Amino acid sequence: DVLVDFSQAAGKTVHLKNAALEVLEFRVAAANASVRSFA
């Protein structure tokens, strides 16, 4: 069970890797002031 914070990757792509191989691409939307923050 994992929490991942994409707030610093707005407008970018982020990859989950299995060792060296990228297996899942997260396409992060642009920054939006209405996005709820979470600690």
Full PDB file with SEQRES, HELIX, SHEET, SSBOND, CRYST1, ORIGX, SCALE, CONECT and MASTER records, all heavy atoms in Angstrom:
SEQRES   1 A   39  ASP VAL LEU VAL ASP PHE SER GLN ALA ALA GLY LYS THR          
SEQRES   2 A   39  VAL HIS LEU LYS ASN ALA ALA LEU GLU VAL LEU GLU PHE          
SEQRES   3 A   39  ARG VAL ALA ALA ALA ASN ALA SER VAL ARG SER PHE ALA          
HELIX    1 AA1 SER A    7  ALA A    9  5                                   3    
SHEET    1 AA1 2 THR A  13  ASN A  18  0                                        
SHEET    2 AA1 2 LEU A  21  ARG A  27 -1                                        
CRYST1    1.000    1.000    1.000  90.00  90.00  90.00 P 1           1          
ORIGX1      1.000000  0.000000  0.000000        0.00000                         
ORIGX2      0.000000  1.000000  0.000000        0.00000                         
ORIGX3      0.000000  0.000000  1.000000        0.00000                         
SCALE1      1.000000  0.000000  0.000000        0.00000                         
SCALE2      0.000000  1.000000  0.000000        0.00000                         
SCALE3      0.000000  0.000000  1.000000        0.00000                         
ATOM      1  N   ASP A   1       0.886  -1.169   0.000  1.00  0.00           N  
ATOM      2  CA  ASP A   1       0.000   0.000   0.000  1.00  0.00           C  
ATOM      3  C   ASP A   1       0.927   1.223   0.000  1.00  0.00           C  
ATOM      4  O   ASP A   1       1.698   1.422   0.952  1.00  0.00           O  
ATOM      5  CB  ASP A   1      -0.870  -0.060   1.255  1.00  0.00           C  
ATOM      6  CG  ASP A   1      -2.044   0.891   1.218  1.00  0.00           C  
ATOM      7  OD1 ASP A   1      -2.097   1.758   0.332  1.00  0.00           O  
ATOM      8  OD2 ASP A   1      -2.925   0.769   2.108  1.00  0.00           O  
ATOM      9  N   VAL A   2       0.864   2.025  -1.057  1.00  0.00           N  
ATOM     10  CA  VAL A   2       1.871   3.066  -1.280  1.00  0.00           C  
ATOM     11  C   VAL A   2       1.204   4.413  -1.554  1.00  0.00           C  
ATOM     12  O   VAL A   2       0.244   4.491  -2.329  1.00  0.00           O  
ATOM     13  CB  VAL A   2       2.795   2.690  -2.464  1.00  0.00           C  
ATOM     14  CG1 VAL A   2       3.795   3.803  -2.753  1.00  0.00           C  
ATOM     15  CG2 VAL A   2       3.534   1.383  -2.167  1.00  0.00           C  
ATOM     16  N   LEU A   3       1.713   5.469  -0.917  1.00  0.00           N  
ATOM     17  CA  LEU A   3       1.311   6.848  -1.228  1.00  0.00           C  
ATOM     18  C   LEU A   3       2.367   7.482  -2.109  1.00  0.00           C  
ATOM     19  O   LEU A   3       3.561   7.441  -1.785  1.00  0.00           O  
ATOM     20  CB  LEU A   3       1.137   7.662   0.050  1.00  0.00           C  
ATOM     21  CG  LEU A   3       0.015   7.240   1.006  1.00  0.00           C  
ATOM     22  CD1 LEU A   3      -0.010   8.159   2.223  1.00  0.00           C  
ATOM     23  CD2 LEU A   3      -1.339   7.245   0.309  1.00  0.00           C  
ATOM     24  N   VAL A   4       1.942   8.074  -3.234  1.00  0.00           N  
ATOM     25  CA  VAL A   4       2.860   8.722  -4.167  1.00  0.00           C  
ATOM     26  C   VAL A   4       2.409  10.158  -4.368  1.00  0.00           C  
ATOM     27  O   VAL A   4       1.236  10.424  -4.649  1.00  0.00           O  
ATOM     28  CB  VAL A   4       2.893   7.994  -5.528  1.00  0.00           C  
ATOM     29  CG1 VAL A   4       3.943   8.628  -6.436  1.00  0.00           C  
ATOM     30  CG2 VAL A   4       3.179   6.521  -5.343  1.00  0.00           C  
ATOM     31  N   ASP A   5       3.342  11.083  -4.247  1.00  0.00           N  
ATOM     32  CA  ASP A   5       3.050  12.515  -4.376  1.00  0.00           C  
ATOM     33  C   ASP A   5       3.516  13.004  -5.755  1.00  0.00           C  
ATOM     34  O   ASP A   5       4.716  13.070  -6.036  1.00  0.00           O  
ATOM     35  CB  ASP A   5       3.764  13.294  -3.269  1.00  0.00           C  
ATOM     36  CG  ASP A   5       3.372  14.771  -3.253  1.00  0.00           C  
ATOM     37  OD1 ASP A   5       2.582  15.193  -4.123  1.00  0.00           O  
ATOM     38  OD2 ASP A   5       3.858  15.494  -2.367  1.00  0.00           O  
ATOM     39  N   PHE A   6       2.547  13.351  -6.607  1.00  0.00           N  
ATOM     40  CA  PHE A   6       2.860  13.852  -7.954  1.00  0.00           C  
ATOM     41  C   PHE A   6       2.838  15.379  -8.026  1.00  0.00           C  
ATOM     42  O   PHE A   6       2.928  15.951  -9.117  1.00  0.00           O  
ATOM     43  CB  PHE A   6       1.841  13.301  -8.963  1.00  0.00           C  
ATOM     44  CG  PHE A   6       1.883  11.811  -9.139  1.00  0.00           C  
ATOM     45  CD1 PHE A   6       0.891  11.009  -8.589  1.00  0.00           C  
ATOM     46  CD2 PHE A   6       2.899  11.200  -9.855  1.00  0.00           C  
ATOM     47  CE1 PHE A   6       0.919   9.635  -8.750  1.00  0.00           C  
ATOM     48  CE2 PHE A   6       2.945   9.828 -10.020  1.00  0.00           C  
ATOM     49  CZ  PHE A   6       1.939   9.034  -9.466  1.00  0.00           C  
ATOM     50  N   SER A   7       2.727  16.056  -6.893  1.00  0.00           N  
ATOM     51  CA  SER A   7       2.541  17.512  -6.912  1.00  0.00           C  
ATOM     52  C   SER A   7       3.741  18.252  -7.489  1.00  0.00           C  
ATOM     53  O   SER A   7       3.588  19.359  -8.026  1.00  0.00           O  
ATOM     54  CB  SER A   7       2.239  18.021  -5.497  1.00  0.00           C  
ATOM     55  OG  SER A   7       3.334  17.761  -4.619  1.00  0.00           O  
ATOM     56  N   GLN A   8       4.942  17.663  -7.383  1.00  0.00           N  
ATOM     57  CA  GLN A   8       6.133  18.329  -7.912  1.00  0.00           C  
ATOM     58  C   GLN A   8       6.419  17.940  -9.362  1.00  0.00           C  
ATOM     59  O   GLN A   8       7.443  18.345  -9.918  1.00  0.00           O  
ATOM     60  CB  GLN A   8       7.346  17.974  -7.043  1.00  0.00           C  
ATOM     61  CG  GLN A   8       7.211  18.388  -5.586  1.00  0.00           C  
ATOM     62  CD  GLN A   8       6.933  19.879  -5.438  1.00  0.00           C  
ATOM     63  OE1 GLN A   8       7.663  20.717  -5.997  1.00  0.00           O  
ATOM     64  NE2 GLN A   8       5.886  20.233  -4.705  1.00  0.00           N  
ATOM     65  N   ALA A   9       5.517  17.164  -9.951  1.00  0.00           N  
ATOM     66  CA  ALA A   9       5.722  16.719 -11.340  1.00  0.00           C  
ATOM     67  C   ALA A   9       4.611  17.220 -12.247  1.00  0.00           C  
ATOM     68  O   ALA A   9       4.333  16.619 -13.289  1.00  0.00           O  
ATOM     69  CB  ALA A   9       5.808  15.203 -11.389  1.00  0.00           C  
ATOM     70  N   ALA A  10       3.963  18.325 -11.886  1.00  0.00           N  
ATOM     71  CA  ALA A  10       2.844  18.849 -12.680  1.00  0.00           C  
ATOM     72  C   ALA A  10       3.269  19.094 -14.121  1.00  0.00           C  
ATOM     73  O   ALA A  10       4.331  19.671 -14.382  1.00  0.00           O  
ATOM     74  CB  ALA A  10       2.323  20.146 -12.052  1.00  0.00           C  
ATOM     75  N   GLY A  11       2.458  18.620 -15.053  1.00  0.00           N  
ATOM     76  CA  GLY A  11       2.738  18.812 -16.466  1.00  0.00           C  
ATOM     77  C   GLY A  11       3.796  17.892 -17.038  1.00  0.00           C  
ATOM     78  O   GLY A  11       4.189  18.043 -18.197  1.00  0.00           O  
ATOM     79  N   LYS A  12       4.234  16.911 -16.271  1.00  0.00           N  
ATOM     80  CA  LYS A  12       5.310  16.015 -16.719  1.00  0.00           C  
ATOM     81  C   LYS A  12       4.797  14.568 -16.768  1.00  0.00           C  
ATOM     82  O   LYS A  12       3.671  14.276 -16.392  1.00  0.00           O  
ATOM     83  CB  LYS A  12       6.511  16.113 -15.774  1.00  0.00           C  
ATOM     84  CG  LYS A  12       7.104  17.510 -15.652  1.00  0.00           C  
ATOM     85  CD  LYS A  12       8.241  17.535 -14.633  1.00  0.00           C  
ATOM     86  CE  LYS A  12       8.822  18.932 -14.474  1.00  0.00           C  
ATOM     87  NZ  LYS A  12       9.917  18.957 -13.444  1.00  0.00           N  
ATOM     88  N   THR A  13       5.672  13.703 -17.238  1.00  0.00           N  
ATOM     89  CA  THR A  13       5.394  12.268 -17.155  1.00  0.00           C  
ATOM     90  C   THR A  13       6.355  11.655 -16.139  1.00  0.00           C  
ATOM     91  O   THR A  13       7.527  12.049 -16.053  1.00  0.00           O  
ATOM     92  CB  THR A  13       5.562  11.570 -18.514  1.00  0.00           C  
ATOM     93  OG1 THR A  13       6.900  11.778 -18.984  1.00  0.00           O  
ATOM     94  CG2 THR A  13       4.573  12.109 -19.530  1.00  0.00           C  
ATOM     95  N   VAL A  14       5.839  10.693 -15.390  1.00  0.00           N  
ATOM     96  CA  VAL A  14       6.615   9.991 -14.363  1.00  0.00           C  
ATOM     97  C   VAL A  14       6.465   8.499 -14.635  1.00  0.00           C  
ATOM     98  O   VAL A  14       5.383   8.029 -14.995  1.00  0.00           O  
ATOM     99  CB  VAL A  14       6.097  10.326 -12.952  1.00  0.00           C  
ATOM    100  CG1 VAL A  14       6.788   9.459 -11.906  1.00  0.00           C  
ATOM    101  CG2 VAL A  14       6.304  11.800 -12.646  1.00  0.00           C  
ATOM    102  N   HIS A  15       7.546   7.757 -14.464  1.00  0.00           N  
ATOM    103  CA  HIS A  15       7.505   6.330 -14.760  1.00  0.00           C  
ATOM    104  C   HIS A  15       7.744   5.495 -13.506  1.00  0.00           C  
ATOM    105  O   HIS A  15       8.618   5.810 -12.696  1.00  0.00           O  
ATOM    106  CB  HIS A  15       8.543   5.964 -15.824  1.00  0.00           C  
ATOM    107  CG  HIS A  15       8.213   6.533 -17.174  1.00  0.00           C  
ATOM    108  ND1 HIS A  15       8.825   7.666 -17.666  1.00  0.00           N  
ATOM    109  CD2 HIS A  15       7.321   6.132 -18.124  1.00  0.00           C  
ATOM    110  CE1 HIS A  15       8.325   7.940 -18.860  1.00  0.00           C  
ATOM    111  NE2 HIS A  15       7.416   7.032 -19.160  1.00  0.00           N  
ATOM    112  N   LEU A  16       6.958   4.450 -13.398  1.00  0.00           N  
ATOM    113  CA  LEU A  16       7.227   3.385 -12.434  1.00  0.00           C  
ATOM    114  C   LEU A  16       8.076   2.351 -13.152  1.00  0.00           C  
ATOM    115  O   LEU A  16       7.733   1.916 -14.263  1.00  0.00           O  
ATOM    116  CB  LEU A  16       5.923   2.754 -11.941  1.00  0.00           C  
ATOM    117  CG  LEU A  16       6.063   1.571 -10.976  1.00  0.00           C  
ATOM    118  CD1 LEU A  16       6.648   2.017  -9.645  1.00  0.00           C  
ATOM    119  CD2 LEU A  16       4.711   0.896 -10.768  1.00  0.00           C  
ATOM    120  N   LYS A  17       9.184   1.963 -12.539  1.00  0.00           N  
ATOM    121  CA  LYS A  17      10.121   1.042 -13.176  1.00  0.00           C  
ATOM    122  C   LYS A  17      10.151  -0.290 -12.435  1.00  0.00           C  
ATOM    123  O   LYS A  17      10.028  -0.328 -11.206  1.00  0.00           O  
ATOM    124  CB  LYS A  17      11.528   1.649 -13.202  1.00  0.00           C  
ATOM    125  CG  LYS A  17      11.642   2.940 -14.001  1.00  0.00           C  
ATOM    126  CD  LYS A  17      13.088   3.391 -14.149  1.00  0.00           C  
ATOM    127  CE  LYS A  17      13.695   3.781 -12.812  1.00  0.00           C  
ATOM    128  NZ  LYS A  17      15.086   4.280 -12.952  1.00  0.00           N  
ATOM    129  N   ASN A  18      10.319  -1.348 -13.202  1.00  0.00           N  
ATOM    130  CA  ASN A  18      10.677  -2.651 -12.638  1.00  0.00           C  
ATOM    131  C   ASN A  18      12.161  -2.815 -12.918  1.00  0.00           C  
ATOM    132  O   ASN A  18      12.550  -3.135 -14.046  1.00  0.00           O  
ATOM    133  CB  ASN A  18       9.867  -3.775 -13.276  1.00  0.00           C  
ATOM    134  CG  ASN A  18      10.280  -5.135 -12.756  1.00  0.00           C  
ATOM    135  OD1 ASN A  18      10.478  -5.307 -11.551  1.00  0.00           O  
ATOM    136  ND2 ASN A  18      10.447  -6.101 -13.635  1.00  0.00           N  
ATOM    137  N   ALA A  19      12.987  -2.571 -11.907  1.00  0.00           N  
ATOM    138  CA  ALA A  19      14.438  -2.452 -12.086  1.00  0.00           C  
ATOM    139  C   ALA A  19      14.690  -1.380 -13.145  1.00  0.00           C  
ATOM    140  O   ALA A  19      14.312  -0.239 -12.948  1.00  0.00           O  
ATOM    141  CB  ALA A  19      15.061  -3.791 -12.419  1.00  0.00           C  
ATOM    142  N   ALA A  20      15.279  -1.742 -14.306  1.00  0.00           N  
ATOM    143  CA  ALA A  20      15.625  -0.734 -15.307  1.00  0.00           C  
ATOM    144  C   ALA A  20      14.499  -0.472 -16.302  1.00  0.00           C  
ATOM    145  O   ALA A  20      14.583   0.481 -17.082  1.00  0.00           O  
ATOM    146  CB  ALA A  20      16.876  -1.170 -16.067  1.00  0.00           C  
ATOM    147  N   LEU A  21      13.462  -1.285 -16.304  1.00  0.00           N  
ATOM    148  CA  LEU A  21      12.433  -1.192 -17.332  1.00  0.00           C  
ATOM    149  C   LEU A  21      11.251  -0.364 -16.849  1.00  0.00           C  
ATOM    150  O   LEU A  21      10.657  -0.643 -15.810  1.00  0.00           O  
ATOM    151  CB  LEU A  21      11.950  -2.603 -17.710  1.00  0.00           C  
ATOM    152  CG  LEU A  21      10.876  -2.677 -18.796  1.00  0.00           C  
ATOM    153  CD1 LEU A  21      11.449  -2.249 -20.142  1.00  0.00           C  
ATOM    154  CD2 LEU A  21      10.284  -4.082 -18.885  1.00  0.00           C  
ATOM    155  N   GLU A  22      10.890   0.648 -17.630  1.00  0.00           N  
ATOM    156  CA  GLU A  22       9.705   1.453 -17.323  1.00  0.00           C  
ATOM    157  C   GLU A  22       8.456   0.654 -17.674  1.00  0.00           C  
ATOM    158  O   GLU A  22       8.282   0.223 -18.822  1.00  0.00           O  
ATOM    159  CB  GLU A  22       9.744   2.766 -18.114  1.00  0.00           C  
ATOM    160  CG  GLU A  22      10.919   3.665 -17.724  1.00  0.00           C  
ATOM    161  CD  GLU A  22      11.063   4.879 -18.618  1.00  0.00           C  
ATOM    162  OE1 GLU A  22      10.462   4.863 -19.727  1.00  0.00           O  
ATOM    163  OE2 GLU A  22      11.757   5.832 -18.235  1.00  0.00           O  
ATOM    164  N   VAL A  23       7.585   0.446 -16.690  1.00  0.00           N  
ATOM    165  CA  VAL A  23       6.431  -0.428 -16.921  1.00  0.00           C  
ATOM    166  C   VAL A  23       5.092   0.297 -16.831  1.00  0.00           C  
ATOM    167  O   VAL A  23       4.077  -0.219 -17.293  1.00  0.00           O  
ATOM    168  CB  VAL A  23       6.439  -1.624 -15.946  1.00  0.00           C  
ATOM    169  CG1 VAL A  23       7.633  -2.531 -16.227  1.00  0.00           C  
ATOM    170  CG2 VAL A  23       6.423  -1.169 -14.490  1.00  0.00           C  
ATOM    171  N   LEU A  24       5.072   1.489 -16.239  1.00  0.00           N  
ATOM    172  CA  LEU A  24       3.828   2.246 -16.122  1.00  0.00           C  
ATOM    173  C   LEU A  24       4.147   3.728 -16.207  1.00  0.00           C  
ATOM    174  O   LEU A  24       5.051   4.211 -15.521  1.00  0.00           O  
ATOM    175  CB  LEU A  24       3.125   1.931 -14.797  1.00  0.00           C  
ATOM    176  CG  LEU A  24       1.838   2.703 -14.480  1.00  0.00           C  
ATOM    177  CD1 LEU A  24       0.774   2.455 -15.541  1.00  0.00           C  
ATOM    178  CD2 LEU A  24       1.306   2.329 -13.093  1.00  0.00           C  
ATOM    179  N   GLU A  25       3.411   4.435 -17.064  1.00  0.00           N  
ATOM    180  CA  GLU A  25       3.628   5.870 -17.241  1.00  0.00           C  
ATOM    181  C   GLU A  25       2.490   6.654 -16.605  1.00  0.00           C  
ATOM    182  O   GLU A  25       1.310   6.424 -16.916  1.00  0.00           O  
ATOM    183  CB  GLU A  25       3.718   6.205 -18.730  1.00  0.00           C  
ATOM    184  CG  GLU A  25       3.974   7.683 -19.009  1.00  0.00           C  
ATOM    185  CD  GLU A  25       4.204   7.965 -20.480  1.00  0.00           C  
ATOM    186  OE1 GLU A  25       5.381   7.902 -20.898  1.00  0.00           O  
ATOM    187  OE2 GLU A  25       3.217   8.206 -21.204  1.00  0.00           O  
ATOM    188  N   PHE A  26       2.836   7.573 -15.710  1.00  0.00           N  
ATOM    189  CA  PHE A  26       1.882   8.501 -15.117  1.00  0.00           C  
ATOM    190  C   PHE A  26       1.972   9.826 -15.861  1.00  0.00           C  
ATOM    191  O   PHE A  26       3.040  10.454 -15.889  1.00  0.00           O  
ATOM    192  CB  PHE A  26       2.189   8.714 -13.632  1.00  0.00           C  
ATOM    193  CG  PHE A  26       2.025   7.484 -12.788  1.00  0.00           C  
ATOM    194  CD1 PHE A  26       3.086   6.604 -12.590  1.00  0.00           C  
ATOM    195  CD2 PHE A  26       0.811   7.202 -12.178  1.00  0.00           C  
ATOM    196  CE1 PHE A  26       2.941   5.470 -11.806  1.00  0.00           C  
ATOM    197  CE2 PHE A  26       0.665   6.067 -11.381  1.00  0.00           C  
ATOM    198  CZ  PHE A  26       1.725   5.197 -11.203  1.00  0.00           C  
ATOM    199  N   ARG A  27       0.886  10.253 -16.469  1.00  0.00           N  
ATOM    200  CA  ARG A  27       0.842  11.536 -17.170  1.00  0.00           C  
ATOM    201  C   ARG A  27       0.188  12.542 -16.229  1.00  0.00           C  
ATOM    202  O   ARG A  27      -1.031  12.533 -16.034  1.00  0.00           O  
ATOM    203  CB  ARG A  27       0.072  11.399 -18.484  1.00  0.00           C  
ATOM    204  CG  ARG A  27       0.735  10.405 -19.432  1.00  0.00           C  
ATOM    205  CD  ARG A  27      -0.047  10.191 -20.713  1.00  0.00           C  
ATOM    206  NE  ARG A  27       0.627   9.208 -21.562  1.00  0.00           N  
ATOM    207  CZ  ARG A  27       0.145   8.761 -22.727  1.00  0.00           C  
ATOM    208  NH1 ARG A  27      -1.032   9.211 -23.168  1.00  0.00           N  
ATOM    209  NH2 ARG A  27       0.828   7.873 -23.426  1.00  0.00           N  
ATOM    210  N   VAL A  28       1.021  13.409 -15.664  1.00  0.00           N  
ATOM    211  CA  VAL A  28       0.577  14.312 -14.611  1.00  0.00           C  
ATOM    212  C   VAL A  28       0.009  15.577 -15.239  1.00  0.00           C  
ATOM    213  O   VAL A  28       0.667  16.214 -16.087  1.00  0.00           O  
ATOM    214  CB  VAL A  28       1.725  14.645 -13.649  1.00  0.00           C  
ATOM    215  CG1 VAL A  28       1.193  15.434 -12.454  1.00  0.00           C  
ATOM    216  CG2 VAL A  28       2.422  13.368 -13.163  1.00  0.00           C  
ATOM    217  N   ALA A  29      -1.186  15.955 -14.850  1.00  0.00           N  
ATOM    218  CA  ALA A  29      -1.825  17.157 -15.378  1.00  0.00           C  
ATOM    219  C   ALA A  29      -1.080  18.405 -14.918  1.00  0.00           C  
ATOM    220  O   ALA A  29      -0.255  18.361 -13.991  1.00  0.00           O  
ATOM    221  CB  ALA A  29      -3.281  17.198 -14.924  1.00  0.00           C  
ATOM    222  N   ALA A  30      -1.394  19.512 -15.556  1.00  0.00           N  
ATOM    223  CA  ALA A  30      -0.776  20.788 -15.183  1.00  0.00           C  
ATOM    224  C   ALA A  30      -1.226  21.207 -13.797  1.00  0.00           C  
ATOM    225  O   ALA A  30      -2.239  20.735 -13.272  1.00  0.00           O  
ATOM    226  CB  ALA A  30      -1.141  21.857 -16.214  1.00  0.00           C  
ATOM    227  N   ALA A  31      -0.452  22.092 -13.201  1.00  0.00           N  
ATOM    228  CA  ALA A  31      -0.764  22.585 -11.863  1.00  0.00           C  
ATOM    229  C   ALA A  31      -2.135  23.235 -11.841  1.00  0.00           C  
ATOM    230  O   ALA A  31      -2.549  23.907 -12.793  1.00  0.00           O  
ATOM    231  CB  ALA A  31       0.305  23.564 -11.404  1.00  0.00           C  
ATOM    232  N   ASN A  32      -2.849  23.019 -10.732  1.00  0.00           N  
ATOM    233  CA  ASN A  32      -4.205  23.543 -10.592  1.00  0.00           C  
ATOM    234  C   ASN A  32      -4.398  23.943  -9.143  1.00  0.00           C  
ATOM    235  O   ASN A  32      -4.222  23.125  -8.236  1.00  0.00           O  
ATOM    236  CB  ASN A  32      -5.217  22.476 -11.013  1.00  0.00           C  
ATOM    237  CG  ASN A  32      -6.641  22.994 -11.049  1.00  0.00           C  
ATOM    238  OD1 ASN A  32      -6.999  23.932 -10.350  1.00  0.00           O  
ATOM    239  ND2 ASN A  32      -7.459  22.367 -11.890  1.00  0.00           N  
ATOM    240  N   ALA A  33      -4.777  25.185  -8.938  1.00  0.00           N  
ATOM    241  CA  ALA A  33      -4.904  25.698  -7.569  1.00  0.00           C  
ATOM    242  C   ALA A  33      -5.993  24.982  -6.792  1.00  0.00           C  
ATOM    243  O   ALA A  33      -6.001  24.987  -5.550  1.00  0.00           O  
ATOM    244  CB  ALA A  33      -5.186  27.194  -7.603  1.00  0.00           C  
ATOM    245  N   SER A  34      -6.939  24.359  -7.501  1.00  0.00           N  
ATOM    246  CA  SER A  34      -8.038  23.701  -6.802  1.00  0.00           C  
ATOM    247  C   SER A  34      -7.697  22.295  -6.312  1.00  0.00           C  
ATOM    248  O   SER A  34      -8.492  21.674  -5.623  1.00  0.00           O  
ATOM    249  CB  SER A  34      -9.267  23.617  -7.723  1.00  0.00           C  
ATOM    250  OG  SER A  34      -8.996  22.790  -8.842  1.00  0.00           O  
ATOM    251  N   VAL A  35      -6.513  21.798  -6.687  1.00  0.00           N  
ATOM    252  CA  VAL A  35      -6.128  20.454  -6.275  1.00  0.00           C  
ATOM    253  C   VAL A  35      -5.911  20.420  -4.761  1.00  0.00           C  
ATOM    254  O   VAL A  35      -5.197  21.251  -4.202  1.00  0.00           O  
ATOM    255  CB  VAL A  35      -4.851  19.992  -7.014  1.00  0.00           C  
ATOM    256  CG1 VAL A  35      -4.348  18.671  -6.440  1.00  0.00           C  
ATOM    257  CG2 VAL A  35      -5.141  19.821  -8.502  1.00  0.00           C  
ATOM    258  N   ARG A  36      -6.531  19.454  -4.109  1.00  0.00           N  
ATOM    259  CA  ARG A  36      -6.464  19.348  -2.646  1.00  0.00           C  
ATOM    260  C   ARG A  36      -5.094  18.834  -2.217  1.00  0.00           C  
ATOM    261  O   ARG A  36      -4.596  17.848  -2.743  1.00  0.00           O  
ATOM    262  CB  ARG A  36      -7.562  18.403  -2.157  1.00  0.00           C  
ATOM    263  CG  ARG A  36      -7.527  18.115  -0.668  1.00  0.00           C  
ATOM    264  CD  ARG A  36      -8.722  17.252  -0.290  1.00  0.00           C  
ATOM    265  NE  ARG A  36      -8.642  16.825   1.108  1.00  0.00           N  
ATOM    266  CZ  ARG A  36      -8.187  15.653   1.501  1.00  0.00           C  
ATOM    267  NH1 ARG A  36      -7.745  14.785   0.610  1.00  0.00           N  
ATOM    268  NH2 ARG A  36      -8.157  15.329   2.784  1.00  0.00           N  
ATOM    269  N   SER A  37      -4.489  19.515  -1.264  1.00  0.00           N  
ATOM    270  CA  SER A  37      -3.203  19.062  -0.730  1.00  0.00           C  
ATOM    271  C   SER A  37      -3.445  17.965   0.301  1.00  0.00           C  
ATOM    272  O   SER A  37      -4.526  17.863   0.891  1.00  0.00           O  
ATOM    273  CB  SER A  37      -2.443  20.227  -0.090  1.00  0.00           C  
ATOM    274  OG  SER A  37      -3.185  20.763   0.994  1.00  0.00           O  
ATOM    275  N   PHE A  38      -2.437  17.145   0.490  1.00  0.00           N  
ATOM    276  CA  PHE A  38      -2.537  16.041   1.444  1.00  0.00           C  
ATOM    277  C   PHE A  38      -1.182  15.830   2.076  1.00  0.00           C  
ATOM    278  O   PHE A  38      -0.164  15.717   1.383  1.00  0.00           O  
ATOM    279  CB  PHE A  38      -3.003  14.762   0.735  1.00  0.00           C  
ATOM    280  CG  PHE A  38      -3.035  13.558   1.630  1.00  0.00           C  
ATOM    281  CD1 PHE A  38      -4.121  13.305   2.446  1.00  0.00           C  
ATOM    282  CD2 PHE A  38      -1.965  12.668   1.670  1.00  0.00           C  
ATOM    283  CE1 PHE A  38      -4.153  12.197   3.277  1.00  0.00           C  
ATOM    284  CE2 PHE A  38      -1.984  11.559   2.499  1.00  0.00           C  
ATOM    285  CZ  PHE A  38      -3.082  11.325   3.304  1.00  0.00           C  
ATOM    286  N   ALA A  39      -1.162  15.795   3.394  1.00  0.00           N  
ATOM    287  CA  ALA A  39       0.071  15.537   4.131  1.00  0.00           C  
ATOM    288  C   ALA A  39       0.110  14.073   4.544  1.00  0.00           C  
ATOM    289  O   ALA A  39      -0.856  13.553   5.126  1.00  0.00           O  
ATOM    290  CB  ALA A  39       0.152  16.436   5.358  1.00  0.00           C  
TER     291      ALA A  39                                                      
MASTER        0    0    0    1    2    0    0    6  290    1    0    3          
END                                                                             
